[in-house]
Protein backbone atom coordinates (compact mmCIF):
# COMPACT_ATOMS: atom_id res chain seq x y z
CA MET A 1 115.46 108.53 93.72
CA ASP A 2 113.58 106.10 91.55
CA GLU A 3 110.22 104.64 92.49
CA GLU A 4 111.49 101.06 92.67
CA ARG A 5 114.10 101.95 95.30
CA VAL A 6 111.51 103.85 97.36
CA VAL A 7 109.28 100.76 97.31
CA MET A 8 112.20 98.57 98.43
CA ILE A 9 112.96 100.97 101.31
CA ALA A 10 109.31 101.00 102.38
CA ASN A 11 109.26 97.20 102.29
CA ALA A 12 112.45 97.03 104.37
CA ILE A 13 110.97 99.32 107.02
CA GLY A 14 107.72 97.34 107.03
CA SER A 15 109.60 94.06 107.43
CA ALA A 16 111.62 95.46 110.31
CA VAL A 17 108.48 96.76 112.04
CA LEU A 18 106.81 93.36 111.71
CA GLU A 19 109.88 91.54 113.04
CA LEU A 20 109.98 93.85 116.06
CA LYS A 21 106.24 93.50 116.63
CA PHE A 22 106.21 89.71 116.46
CA SER A 23 109.28 89.39 118.67
CA GLY A 24 107.60 91.52 121.34
CA GLU A 25 110.18 94.29 121.15
CA ARG A 26 109.24 97.92 121.54
CA ILE A 27 108.90 99.75 118.23
CA ALA A 28 110.80 103.02 118.51
CA GLU A 29 113.11 105.01 116.28
CA TYR A 30 116.19 103.47 117.91
CA THR A 31 115.01 99.85 117.84
CA LEU A 32 113.77 100.18 114.27
CA SER A 33 117.07 101.66 113.13
CA GLU A 34 119.01 98.93 114.93
CA LYS A 35 116.82 96.19 113.40
CA LEU A 36 117.41 97.62 109.91
CA GLU A 37 121.18 97.66 110.54
CA GLU A 38 120.98 94.06 111.77
CA MET A 39 119.08 93.10 108.60
CA ARG A 40 121.71 94.92 106.51
CA LEU A 41 124.50 92.89 108.08
CA SER A 42 122.76 89.60 107.30
CA GLU A 43 121.89 90.62 103.71
CA THR A 44 124.17 89.12 101.06
CA ASN A 45 122.99 91.19 98.09
CA VAL A 46 124.82 94.51 97.55
CA ILE A 47 121.65 96.31 96.46
CA GLY A 48 119.78 94.92 99.47
CA LYS A 49 122.52 96.14 101.80
CA GLY A 50 122.14 99.64 100.35
CA VAL A 51 118.37 99.52 100.75
CA TYR A 52 118.65 98.59 104.44
CA ARG A 53 121.32 101.26 104.97
CA ASP A 54 119.13 103.92 103.35
CA ALA A 55 116.07 102.76 105.29
CA ALA A 56 117.97 103.03 108.58
CA GLU A 57 119.16 106.51 107.60
CA LEU A 58 115.59 107.55 106.80
CA VAL A 59 114.39 106.33 110.20
CA ARG A 60 117.24 108.10 112.03
CA THR A 61 117.18 111.46 110.22
CA GLY A 62 113.87 111.67 108.38
CA ARG A 63 115.76 112.10 105.10
CA LEU A 64 116.95 109.76 102.42
CA PRO A 65 120.62 109.99 101.50
CA VAL A 66 121.27 111.66 98.16
CA THR A 67 122.54 109.11 95.65
């Protein structure tokens, strides 16, 4: 996995954490994964959708999907 994609995934997770924090929601594996999936659905860019999908997978399993 290239460094740029890893940075995008880290940014996606950070954005999701901040959104949960500022909305007063509990930050847990489940809520973080759900927020990332919600962000994926609202994303219009194909690459962005993949980043959110991979970020959600990382949160759920602790592993990045092999691409």
